[in-house]
Amino acid sequence: MKYIGLGSLLSALIGVALFFLGSPLIFAAAKFTSNAFMNILKFISLPVIFFSLSATIARLQSQKMAGNLLFRTLGWTFFTTMIAASVAGLLYELIQPAMSMEYTGTNKHHSPVFDFSINQLVPDNLFVMFAQHNVVAIVLFALLLGLVVTQLPETERDFLAQALSSIYVLFLKMAQLIILLLPLVVWSFVIGLLQQESAYGTMSSLAGYLACVFGANLIQGLLILPILLWYFRINIWSLFSAVSPALLMAALTKSSTASLPLTLSCIEERTDVSKEKADVILPLCATVNMNGCAAFIYVTVLFVAQVNGIDFSLGEKWLWVALSVLAAFGNAGVPMGCFFMASAYLVSMNISTDMMGVILPFYTLIDMMETPINIWSDVCVLSIIDRQDRSRSLFS
């Protein structure tokens, strides 16, 4: 995974060179390659969204924590992630990275992104929502299924939770194999992009897109989360210094899960936060508390959609804030997980992902920033809950 960004950058440069050769055979090969890759991506995109959310919800009852602590952790997780996605949305509206270009591509047969009819939100057939790429209904059904599983008797609950998790791991493994193929097909996406009359405007908008992603993460990590710590009278610099080795590890590994052991060690050895709470809260947060991921998914989906000539109403944009939070909630803490979830949303709506090939070479830098933000948010949630419990004990 570590060489995918470099390989994709080289592949993009090769695509530029091949484009200027102007061979019809090369153009035909690029179209065939990109279409084949899109079909593979479509095959697993909706199952990834469905099983990631349902498996995550179903596993909650198996977490070894008291119900009160569980719901408080989830509450703070949703709160911080919702803020991150909302900040990304406001920054996107301020910068408007895709509005400076005029789209002249061929993706003109796209159906409305969201249709709020009863048949769309509550389909009368289990499989029709997958056949129609109805992402809203799939998300709602995944949440419902996960919640129902948590209410089953222990034996059935554990069996189904494990089954959903195993199927999700299977599709995630397939997704990771597809990601390994990206450097081999980025050249075809670049050629397709350069063939559009709006290619120059698209490339010039990329700087605005990156400003939105990096800016949203910096605001979340350096402003929003410290304000929450300050409100609860937690020493910001002391906590940051204590977990800085884990934040560095997160930047290098680009994985919340891989950084978890060091994060737990830093909390145990360098802070006075309850070890017992850390042992149960941090593993849960490493799975569901993805502030940086939510910001990336929101900005990326809107940007790529607008580059392809598709815009959203104000209500749809707020719905995308919620969908980004849910995708981040169900996203695995592995490298490039957010990139694939954003791609899955786009594919589910039949939006061309050519622009994702252009974004991909920069994703390593994005991932190196958003993963430490995720870890920093995990630590902040843990510290806030610990401080609340200590304050209650003082007055009890």
Protein backbone atom coordinates (compact mmCIF):
# COMPACT_ATOMS: atom_id res chain seq x y z
CA MET A 1 0.00 0.00 0.00
CA LYS A 2 2.85 2.42 0.75
CA TYR A 3 3.92 2.67 -2.90
CA ILE A 4 0.44 3.14 -4.38
CA GLY A 5 0.64 6.94 -4.30
CA LEU A 6 4.04 7.02 -6.04
CA GLY A 7 2.98 4.38 -8.53
CA SER A 8 -0.20 6.30 -9.31
CA LEU A 9 1.75 9.52 -9.83
CA LEU A 10 4.05 7.79 -12.31
CA SER A 11 1.02 6.24 -13.99
CA ALA A 12 -0.58 9.69 -14.30
CA LEU A 13 2.57 11.05 -15.96
CA ILE A 14 2.52 8.11 -18.35
CA GLY A 15 -1.11 8.91 -19.13
CA VAL A 16 -0.18 12.51 -20.02
CA ALA A 17 2.59 11.28 -22.31
CA LEU A 18 0.32 8.74 -24.00
CA PHE A 19 -2.38 11.39 -24.50
CA PHE A 20 -0.04 13.63 -26.44
CA LEU A 21 0.88 10.72 -28.71
CA GLY A 22 -2.72 10.98 -29.94
CA SER A 23 -3.05 7.35 -31.01
CA PRO A 24 -6.67 6.15 -31.49
CA LEU A 25 -5.54 2.72 -30.31
CA ILE A 26 -4.28 4.20 -27.04
CA PHE A 27 -7.55 6.09 -26.55
CA ALA A 28 -9.55 2.91 -27.15
CA ALA A 29 -7.35 0.97 -24.70
CA ALA A 30 -7.77 3.71 -22.09
CA LYS A 31 -11.55 3.64 -22.46
CA PHE A 32 -11.66 -0.15 -22.19
CA THR A 33 -9.38 -0.17 -19.10
CA SER A 34 -11.29 2.55 -17.24
CA ASN A 35 -14.68 0.97 -18.03
CA ALA A 36 -13.49 -2.46 -16.87
CA PHE A 37 -12.16 -0.97 -13.64
CA MET A 38 -15.41 0.92 -13.04
CA ASN A 39 -17.44 -2.27 -13.48
CA ILE A 40 -15.27 -4.08 -10.91
CA LEU A 41 -15.65 -1.16 -8.53
CA LYS A 42 -19.43 -1.10 -8.98
CA PHE A 43 -19.58 -4.80 -8.21
CA ILE A 44 -18.31 -4.36 -4.65
CA SER A 45 -19.09 -0.70 -3.84
CA LEU A 46 -22.60 -1.15 -2.43
CA PRO A 47 -21.79 -4.36 -0.49
CA VAL A 48 -18.87 -2.52 1.15
CA ILE A 49 -21.15 0.32 2.29
CA PHE A 50 -23.87 -2.06 3.47
CA PHE A 51 -21.73 -4.57 5.38
CA SER A 52 -19.40 -1.95 6.87
CA LEU A 53 -22.30 -0.14 8.54
CA SER A 54 -24.34 -3.20 9.56
CA ALA A 55 -21.28 -5.03 10.93
CA THR A 56 -20.14 -1.99 12.92
CA ILE A 57 -23.57 -1.51 14.52
CA ALA A 58 -23.94 -5.24 15.20
CA ARG A 59 -20.58 -5.39 16.99
CA LEU A 60 -21.46 -2.66 19.46
CA GLN A 61 -23.31 -4.98 21.82
CA SER A 62 -20.21 -7.16 21.94
CA GLN A 63 -18.05 -4.31 23.25
CA LYS A 64 -17.03 -4.92 26.85
CA MET A 65 -18.27 -1.68 28.35
CA ALA A 66 -21.23 -0.61 30.40
CA GLY A 67 -24.20 0.65 28.46
CA ASN A 68 -23.90 4.20 29.80
CA LEU A 69 -20.23 4.43 28.85
CA LEU A 70 -20.93 2.93 25.43
CA PHE A 71 -23.63 5.45 24.56
CA ARG A 72 -21.62 8.38 25.89
CA THR A 73 -18.66 7.33 23.76
CA LEU A 74 -20.85 6.97 20.68
CA GLY A 75 -22.49 10.31 21.44
CA TRP A 76 -19.18 12.16 21.57
CA THR A 77 -17.97 10.25 18.52
CA PHE A 78 -20.97 11.32 16.43
CA PHE A 79 -20.72 14.87 17.79
CA THR A 80 -17.06 15.40 16.86
CA THR A 81 -17.44 13.65 13.49
CA MET A 82 -20.53 15.68 12.64
CA ILE A 83 -18.63 18.87 13.45
CA ALA A 84 -15.76 17.74 11.22
CA ALA A 85 -18.09 17.07 8.27
CA SER A 86 -19.95 20.35 8.87
CA VAL A 87 -16.70 22.32 8.96
CA ALA A 88 -15.70 20.65 5.70
CA GLY A 89 -19.07 21.61 4.22
CA LEU A 90 -18.78 25.26 5.26
CA LEU A 91 -15.21 25.47 3.97
CA TYR A 92 -16.30 23.89 0.69
CA GLU A 93 -19.06 26.49 0.30
CA LEU A 94 -16.52 29.24 1.00
CA ILE A 95 -13.87 28.04 -1.47
CA GLN A 96 -16.17 26.50 -4.12
CA PRO A 97 -13.32 24.59 -5.82
CA ALA A 98 -15.38 23.17 -8.71
CA MET A 99 -17.44 26.26 -9.58
CA SER A 100 -14.72 28.00 -11.61
CA MET A 101 -15.00 25.49 -14.45
CA GLU A 102 -17.66 24.85 -17.04
CA TYR A 103 -18.44 21.16 -17.44
CA THR A 104 -18.66 19.90 -21.01
CA GLY A 105 -18.25 16.15 -20.49
CA THR A 106 -20.52 13.31 -21.51
CA ASN A 107 -22.04 12.28 -18.17
CA LYS A 108 -25.42 13.86 -18.98
CA HIS A 109 -27.73 10.91 -18.38
CA HIS A 110 -27.33 10.86 -14.64
CA SER A 111 -30.61 10.50 -12.78
CA PRO A 112 -31.41 12.73 -9.78
CA VAL A 113 -29.04 11.97 -6.93
CA PHE A 114 -31.78 11.62 -4.32
CA ASP A 115 -35.46 10.89 -4.77
CA PHE A 116 -37.36 11.11 -1.50
CA SER A 117 -40.38 9.09 -2.61
CA ILE A 118 -41.55 6.29 -0.33
CA ASN A 119 -40.45 3.70 -2.86
CA GLN A 120 -36.93 5.12 -2.77
CA LEU A 121 -36.61 5.40 1.00
CA VAL A 122 -38.54 2.21 1.78
CA PRO A 123 -38.22 -0.19 -1.19
CA ASP A 124 -40.63 -3.12 -1.31
CA ASN A 125 -37.89 -5.54 -2.42
CA LEU A 126 -34.67 -6.42 -0.65
CA PHE A 127 -32.62 -6.55 -3.85
CA VAL A 128 -34.12 -3.66 -5.79
CA MET A 129 -32.21 -1.07 -3.78
CA PHE A 130 -28.95 -2.70 -4.87
CA ALA A 131 -30.10 -3.02 -8.48
CA GLN A 132 -31.10 0.65 -8.54
CA HIS A 133 -27.98 1.83 -6.65
CA ASN A 134 -30.22 3.40 -4.00
CA VAL A 135 -27.52 4.46 -1.54
CA VAL A 136 -29.90 6.16 0.93
CA ALA A 137 -32.09 3.06 1.30
CA ILE A 138 -29.01 0.85 1.62
CA VAL A 139 -27.60 2.98 4.44
CA LEU A 140 -30.95 3.02 6.26
CA PHE A 141 -31.41 -0.74 5.91
CA ALA A 142 -27.83 -1.41 7.06
CA LEU A 143 -28.43 0.66 10.20
CA LEU A 144 -31.74 -1.11 10.85
CA LEU A 145 -30.21 -4.56 10.37
CA GLY A 146 -27.33 -3.78 12.70
CA LEU A 147 -29.69 -2.48 15.39
CA VAL A 148 -31.94 -5.54 15.12
CA VAL A 149 -28.93 -7.84 15.51
CA THR A 150 -27.98 -6.12 18.78
CA GLN A 151 -31.43 -7.00 20.20
CA LEU A 152 -31.17 -10.75 19.53
CA PRO A 153 -30.32 -13.33 22.19
CA GLU A 154 -26.59 -13.57 22.88
CA THR A 155 -25.90 -16.72 20.82
CA GLU A 156 -27.70 -15.52 17.69
CA ARG A 157 -26.39 -11.98 18.16
CA ASP A 158 -22.76 -13.04 18.35
CA PHE A 159 -23.14 -15.41 15.40
CA LEU A 160 -24.74 -12.80 13.13
CA ALA A 161 -22.35 -10.06 14.23
CA GLN A 162 -19.42 -12.31 13.39
CA ALA A 163 -21.03 -13.31 10.07
CA LEU A 164 -21.58 -9.69 9.03
CA SER A 165 -18.04 -8.80 10.07
CA SER A 166 -16.60 -11.74 8.15
CA ILE A 167 -18.50 -10.82 4.97
CA TYR A 168 -17.36 -7.21 5.37
CA VAL A 169 -13.74 -8.34 5.75
CA LEU A 170 -14.15 -10.41 2.58
CA PHE A 171 -15.37 -7.45 0.55
CA LEU A 172 -12.79 -5.17 2.17
CA LYS A 173 -10.05 -7.59 1.11
CA MET A 174 -11.43 -7.47 -2.43
CA ALA A 175 -11.43 -3.67 -2.22
CA GLN A 176 -7.80 -3.64 -1.10
CA LEU A 177 -6.86 -5.86 -4.04
CA ILE A 178 -8.64 -3.44 -6.36
CA ILE A 179 -6.78 -0.53 -4.79
CA LEU A 180 -3.52 -2.33 -5.62
CA LEU A 181 -4.57 -2.19 -9.28
CA LEU A 182 -5.08 1.57 -9.24
CA PRO A 183 -1.55 2.48 -10.39
CA LEU A 184 -2.14 0.26 -13.42
CA VAL A 185 -5.30 2.10 -14.48
CA VAL A 186 -4.72 5.71 -13.41
CA TRP A 187 -3.21 6.42 -16.84
CA SER A 188 -6.54 5.52 -18.47
CA PHE A 189 -8.44 7.91 -16.16
CA VAL A 190 -5.96 10.71 -16.93
CA ILE A 191 -6.35 10.20 -20.69
CA GLY A 192 -10.14 10.29 -20.34
CA LEU A 193 -9.89 13.47 -18.28
CA LEU A 194 -7.56 15.20 -20.74
CA GLN A 195 -9.96 14.39 -23.58
CA GLN A 196 -12.58 16.59 -21.93
CA GLU A 197 -12.61 20.24 -22.98
CA SER A 198 -12.79 21.21 -19.30
CA ALA A 199 -9.55 19.41 -18.38
CA TYR A 200 -7.61 22.61 -17.67
CA GLY A 201 -10.36 23.96 -15.44
CA THR A 202 -10.56 20.63 -13.62
CA MET A 203 -6.86 20.62 -12.87
CA SER A 204 -6.92 24.24 -11.72
CA SER A 205 -9.77 23.36 -9.33
CA LEU A 206 -7.70 20.62 -7.72
CA ALA A 207 -5.79 23.17 -5.62
CA GLY A 208 -9.08 24.43 -4.18
CA TYR A 209 -10.17 20.86 -3.43
CA LEU A 210 -6.93 20.13 -1.55
CA ALA A 211 -7.30 23.41 0.35
CA CYS A 212 -10.76 22.26 1.50
CA VAL A 213 -9.53 18.85 2.67
CA PHE A 214 -6.39 20.06 4.43
CA GLY A 215 -8.12 23.15 5.81
CA ALA A 216 -11.01 21.16 7.30
CA ASN A 217 -8.59 18.78 9.03
CA LEU A 218 -6.44 21.59 10.39
CA ILE A 219 -9.47 23.48 11.74
CA GLN A 220 -10.78 20.31 13.40
CA GLY A 221 -7.44 19.33 14.95
CA LEU A 222 -6.06 22.75 15.91
CA LEU A 223 -9.23 24.66 16.74
CA ILE A 224 -12.40 22.61 17.32
CA LEU A 225 -10.95 19.79 19.44
CA PRO A 226 -8.77 22.13 21.57
CA ILE A 227 -11.83 24.30 22.25
CA LEU A 228 -13.66 21.23 23.57
CA LEU A 229 -10.68 20.36 25.79
CA TRP A 230 -10.48 23.95 27.03
CA TYR A 231 -14.20 23.92 27.85
CA PHE A 232 -13.69 20.88 30.08
CA ARG A 233 -10.55 22.42 31.61
CA ILE A 234 -8.19 19.82 30.23
CA ASN A 235 -4.57 20.88 29.67
CA ILE A 236 -4.34 20.89 25.89
CA TRP A 237 -0.57 21.05 25.51
CA SER A 238 0.06 18.44 28.18
CA LEU A 239 -2.31 15.96 26.53
CA PHE A 240 -0.94 16.66 23.05
CA SER A 241 2.64 16.17 24.22
CA ALA A 242 1.73 12.92 25.94
CA VAL A 243 0.22 11.33 22.82
CA SER A 244 2.54 12.93 20.24
CA PRO A 245 4.43 9.63 19.63
CA ALA A 246 1.12 7.97 18.73
CA LEU A 247 0.21 10.86 16.43
CA LEU A 248 3.54 10.48 14.65
CA MET A 249 2.96 6.75 14.34
CA ALA A 250 -0.49 7.44 12.88
CA ALA A 251 1.02 9.75 10.25
CA LEU A 252 3.58 7.12 9.25
CA THR A 253 1.29 4.07 9.25
CA LYS A 254 -1.84 5.91 8.04
CA SER A 255 -3.86 3.47 10.15
CA SER A 256 -5.81 4.15 13.33
CA THR A 257 -5.84 0.43 14.13
CA ALA A 258 -2.08 -0.01 13.73
CA SER A 259 -1.46 3.02 15.98
CA LEU A 260 -3.81 1.78 18.73
CA PRO A 261 -1.22 -0.09 20.87
CA LEU A 262 1.07 2.95 21.03
CA THR A 263 -1.89 5.24 21.76
CA LEU A 264 -2.91 3.03 24.69
CA SER A 265 0.69 2.97 25.95
CA CYS A 266 0.97 6.78 25.81
CA ILE A 267 -2.30 7.21 27.71
CA GLU A 268 -1.31 4.67 30.36
CA GLU A 269 2.25 5.89 30.93
CA ARG A 270 2.11 9.63 30.26
CA THR A 271 -1.35 10.78 31.45
CA ASP A 272 -3.58 10.34 34.50
CA VAL A 273 -6.54 9.25 32.38
CA SER A 274 -8.23 6.06 33.63
CA LYS A 275 -6.54 3.02 32.09
CA GLU A 276 -9.76 1.02 32.42
CA LYS A 277 -11.67 3.59 30.35
CA ALA A 278 -8.86 3.81 27.79
CA ASP A 279 -8.89 0.03 27.29
CA VAL A 280 -12.54 0.09 26.21
CA ILE A 281 -13.02 3.55 24.69
CA LEU A 282 -9.96 3.79 22.44
CA PRO A 283 -10.51 0.49 20.59
CA LEU A 284 -14.10 1.52 19.89
CA CYS A 285 -13.06 5.01 18.77
CA ALA A 286 -10.37 3.53 16.50
CA THR A 287 -13.24 1.91 14.57
CA VAL A 288 -15.98 4.54 14.60
CA ASN A 289 -14.40 7.95 15.38
CA MET A 290 -13.12 9.11 11.99
CA ASN A 291 -13.21 12.93 11.93
CA GLY A 292 -10.74 13.30 9.07
CA CYS A 293 -12.45 10.58 7.06
CA ALA A 294 -15.86 12.28 7.25
CA ALA A 295 -14.38 15.57 6.05
CA PHE A 296 -12.59 13.84 3.16
CA ILE A 297 -15.66 11.88 2.04
CA TYR A 298 -17.91 14.95 2.05
CA VAL A 299 -15.52 17.22 0.14
CA THR A 300 -14.54 14.48 -2.32
CA VAL A 301 -18.08 13.38 -3.19
CA LEU A 302 -19.27 16.95 -3.78
CA PHE A 303 -16.15 17.94 -5.70
CA VAL A 304 -16.11 14.93 -8.04
CA ALA A 305 -19.87 15.23 -8.59
CA GLN A 306 -19.61 18.91 -9.50
CA VAL A 307 -16.64 18.26 -11.78
CA ASN A 308 -18.97 15.84 -13.60
CA GLY A 309 -21.67 18.49 -13.95
CA ILE A 310 -23.85 17.34 -11.03
CA ASP A 311 -24.88 19.75 -8.30
CA PHE A 312 -26.74 19.29 -5.03
CA SER A 313 -29.44 21.30 -3.32
CA LEU A 314 -28.88 22.69 0.16
CA GLY A 315 -30.94 19.87 1.68
CA GLU A 316 -28.95 17.26 -0.23
CA LYS A 317 -25.69 18.79 0.96
CA TRP A 318 -26.79 18.46 4.58
CA LEU A 319 -27.87 14.90 3.85
CA TRP A 320 -24.36 14.28 2.51
CA VAL A 321 -22.97 15.57 5.80
CA ALA A 322 -24.95 12.82 7.55
CA LEU A 323 -23.97 10.19 4.97
CA SER A 324 -20.30 11.15 5.33
CA VAL A 325 -20.53 10.71 9.10
CA LEU A 326 -22.18 7.30 8.65
CA ALA A 327 -19.55 6.22 6.11
CA ALA A 328 -16.79 7.31 8.46
CA PHE A 329 -18.54 5.51 11.31
CA GLY A 330 -18.52 2.22 9.37
CA ASN A 331 -15.12 2.71 7.80
CA ALA A 332 -12.29 0.36 8.80
CA GLY A 333 -9.22 2.02 10.34
CA VAL A 334 -6.95 0.89 7.51
CA PRO A 335 -4.90 2.81 4.92
CA MET A 336 -7.00 4.23 2.05
CA GLY A 337 -10.27 3.18 3.68
CA CYS A 338 -11.73 6.69 3.28
CA PHE A 339 -10.65 6.87 -0.36
CA PHE A 340 -12.49 3.69 -1.17
CA MET A 341 -15.62 4.68 0.75
CA ALA A 342 -15.81 7.97 -1.19
CA SER A 343 -15.31 6.05 -4.43
CA ALA A 344 -18.05 3.60 -3.43
CA TYR A 345 -20.54 6.43 -2.88
CA LEU A 346 -19.71 7.92 -6.29
CA VAL A 347 -19.97 4.58 -8.06
CA SER A 348 -23.29 3.84 -6.35
CA MET A 349 -24.68 7.01 -7.97
CA ASN A 350 -23.15 6.18 -11.36
CA ILE A 351 -20.84 9.21 -11.23
CA SER A 352 -17.58 8.91 -13.15
CA THR A 353 -14.58 8.40 -10.85
CA ASP A 354 -11.99 9.61 -13.37
CA MET A 355 -11.19 12.50 -11.03
CA MET A 356 -10.39 10.04 -8.24
CA GLY A 357 -7.42 8.96 -10.32
CA VAL A 358 -6.20 12.56 -10.31
CA ILE A 359 -6.76 12.87 -6.54
CA LEU A 360 -5.08 9.55 -5.77
CA PRO A 361 -1.42 10.70 -6.04
CA PHE A 362 -2.17 13.27 -3.33
CA TYR A 363 -4.02 10.87 -1.07
CA THR A 364 -0.92 9.69 0.76
CA LEU A 365 -0.42 13.24 2.08
CA ILE A 366 -4.13 13.54 2.91
CA ASP A 367 -4.08 10.20 4.77
CA MET A 368 -0.95 11.23 6.68
CA MET A 369 -2.86 14.24 8.00
CA GLU A 370 -6.33 12.81 8.61
CA THR A 371 -5.16 9.69 10.52
CA PRO A 372 -3.44 11.70 13.29
CA ILE A 373 -6.57 13.88 13.43
CA ASN A 374 -8.61 10.73 14.01
CA ILE A 375 -6.27 9.57 16.79
CA TRP A 376 -6.23 13.04 18.37
CA SER A 377 -10.04 13.04 18.36
CA ASP A 378 -10.08 9.57 19.98
CA VAL A 379 -7.84 10.84 22.77
CA CYS A 380 -9.95 13.98 23.21
CA VAL A 381 -13.17 11.94 23.51
CA LEU A 382 -11.51 9.67 26.09
CA SER A 383 -10.17 12.62 28.10
CA ILE A 384 -13.52 14.44 28.10
CA ILE A 385 -15.42 11.37 29.31
CA ASP A 386 -12.78 10.73 31.98
CA ARG A 387 -12.95 14.36 33.15
CA GLN A 388 -16.77 14.22 33.31
CA ASP A 389 -16.63 11.10 35.49
CA ARG A 390 -14.00 12.62 37.78
CA SER A 391 -16.10 15.77 38.18
CA ARG A 392 -19.15 13.71 39.10
CA SER A 393 -17.20 11.75 41.68
CA LEU A 394 -16.04 14.96 43.34
CA PHE A 395 -19.60 16.16 43.86
CA SER A 396 -21.17 12.81 44.70
